Protein backbone atom coordinates (compact mmCIF):
# COMPACT_ATOMS: atom_id res chain seq x y z
CA MET A 1 -101.45 6.88 55.58
CA PRO A 2 -101.40 11.03 55.40
CA PRO A 3 -102.74 11.82 52.41
CA GLN A 4 -99.68 13.29 49.91
CA THR A 5 -100.19 17.39 49.38
CA THR A 6 -98.68 18.70 46.66
CA ARG A 7 -95.27 19.36 48.43
CA SER A 8 -94.42 15.59 48.79
CA ARG A 9 -95.81 14.91 45.33
CA CYS A 10 -93.36 16.90 44.00
CA HIS A 11 -90.50 16.16 46.62
CA GLY A 12 -88.50 13.68 44.15
CA GLU A 13 -88.23 16.24 41.29
CA ASN A 14 -85.63 17.70 43.12
CA GLY A 15 -82.71 18.51 41.08
CA THR A 16 -84.07 18.08 37.62
CA ALA A 17 -83.57 21.40 36.26
CA SER A 18 -79.85 21.38 36.99
CA VAL A 19 -79.96 17.50 34.98
CA GLU A 20 -81.43 19.00 32.23
CA LEU A 21 -79.46 21.65 32.30
CA ILE A 22 -76.06 19.95 32.37
CA ALA A 23 -77.77 17.66 29.27
CA ALA A 24 -78.39 20.69 26.82
CA VAL A 25 -75.14 22.48 27.72
CA PRO A 26 -73.19 20.20 24.72
CA PHE A 27 -75.17 20.74 22.51
CA VAL A 28 -76.05 24.64 22.39
CA LEU A 29 -71.93 24.04 22.67
CA PHE A 30 -71.95 22.58 19.96
CA VAL A 31 -74.36 24.59 18.22
CA VAL A 32 -71.76 27.51 18.80
CA ALA A 33 -69.46 25.97 17.45
CA VAL A 34 -70.96 25.94 14.03
CA ALA A 35 -72.18 29.02 14.34
CA ALA A 36 -68.68 29.86 14.50
CA GLN A 37 -67.42 27.38 11.64
CA ALA A 38 -69.90 29.24 9.32
CA ALA A 39 -69.23 33.17 10.27
CA LEU A 40 -65.45 31.72 9.47
CA ALA A 41 -66.22 29.73 6.46
CA GLY A 42 -68.16 33.10 5.25
CA HIS A 43 -66.02 35.36 5.72
CA ALA A 44 -63.33 33.57 3.43
CA LEU A 45 -65.50 33.55 0.99
CA TRP A 46 -66.06 37.11 0.90
CA SER A 47 -62.68 38.01 1.59
CA ALA A 48 -61.89 35.21 -1.65
CA SER A 49 -63.90 37.99 -3.72
CA VAL A 50 -62.89 40.99 -2.95
CA ALA A 51 -59.17 40.72 -3.46
CA ALA A 52 -60.72 38.49 -6.91
CA ARG A 53 -62.45 41.74 -7.88
CA ALA A 54 -59.54 43.70 -6.81
CA GLY A 55 -56.75 42.06 -9.15
CA ALA A 56 -59.00 42.32 -11.58
CA ARG A 57 -59.74 46.04 -11.20
CA ALA A 58 -55.78 45.71 -11.61
CA ALA A 59 -55.33 43.72 -14.50
CA LEU A 60 -57.80 46.14 -16.20
CA VAL A 61 -55.75 49.20 -15.45
CA GLY A 62 -52.55 47.20 -16.94
CA GLY A 63 -51.48 46.39 -12.87
CA ASP A 64 -49.93 43.03 -11.31
CA PRO A 65 -53.53 40.93 -10.40
CA GLU A 66 -51.91 38.90 -8.56
CA ARG A 67 -50.09 41.00 -6.41
CA VAL A 68 -53.11 43.29 -5.88
CA ALA A 69 -55.71 40.43 -4.86
CA LYS A 70 -53.00 39.06 -2.61
CA ARG A 71 -52.50 42.12 -0.92
CA ALA A 72 -56.08 42.72 -0.46
CA LEU A 73 -56.78 39.75 1.46
CA PRO A 74 -56.71 40.06 5.36
CA PRO A 75 -52.91 38.98 6.66
CA SER A 76 -54.62 36.14 7.87
CA LEU A 77 -56.03 33.79 4.74
CA ARG A 78 -52.60 35.31 2.90
CA GLN A 79 -51.02 32.40 3.49
CA GLY A 80 -51.40 29.69 0.89
CA ALA A 81 -53.90 31.85 -1.09
CA GLU A 82 -53.66 30.42 -4.95
CA ILE A 83 -54.20 32.95 -6.84
CA GLU A 84 -54.85 32.59 -10.56
CA ASP A 85 -54.86 34.74 -13.84
CA GLU A 86 -57.07 33.57 -16.66
CA ASP A 87 -59.68 34.70 -18.46
CA ALA A 88 -60.47 35.99 -14.84
CA ILE A 89 -58.62 36.20 -11.71
CA SER A 90 -60.07 33.23 -9.34
CA VAL A 91 -58.49 33.58 -5.56
CA ARG A 92 -58.47 30.00 -3.17
CA VAL A 93 -57.93 30.49 -0.01
CA ARG A 94 -58.07 28.22 3.30
CA VAL A 95 -60.99 28.95 5.95
CA PRO A 96 -59.36 28.97 9.07
CA SER A 97 -60.71 25.96 11.54
CA PHE A 98 -62.60 26.79 14.94
CA LEU A 99 -62.07 23.04 16.06
CA PRO A 100 -58.93 22.00 14.89
CA SER A 101 -60.40 18.35 14.39
CA LEU A 102 -62.26 19.52 11.33
CA PRO A 103 -60.94 18.49 7.70
CA ALA A 104 -59.17 22.01 5.65
CA LEU A 105 -61.54 23.78 3.56
CA ARG A 106 -61.22 25.65 1.34
CA VAL A 107 -63.34 28.63 -0.83
CA ALA A 108 -62.69 30.17 -3.99
CA ALA A 109 -64.29 33.44 -6.11
CA SER A 110 -63.52 34.93 -9.53
CA SER A 111 -64.01 38.06 -11.09
CA GLY A 112 -63.11 39.90 -14.65
CA LEU A 113 -64.01 42.80 -15.29
CA GLU A 114 -64.22 43.50 -19.31
CA PRO A 115 -62.70 47.17 -20.47
CA GLY A 116 -65.71 49.73 -20.72
CA GLY A 117 -68.63 46.86 -18.94
CA GLY A 118 -68.93 49.66 -15.73
């Protein structure tokens, strides 16, 4: 029996890198999908906060806070937005879903400005 060379010892591992890549692709796609969904949730929360602050400013100067808050939202978040004008302006919006199988999530922000509060 001839001695085994390095080349003949590694011959049984042909294609291993391809199999490992194929096994890793679903995990990488899952991580990208989760990151995209987190970014959408952050965008919705940021937009709700901006809209609440705009509504609070409108209330402070005697405007219509609900109309101003709704107009401050991006068009994609206006549908189904809930705006309340109690002690502070509260804005609740639905988080857009990157993956259709996710349950509906909502985020909320509120803001109130006092006269002379800066």
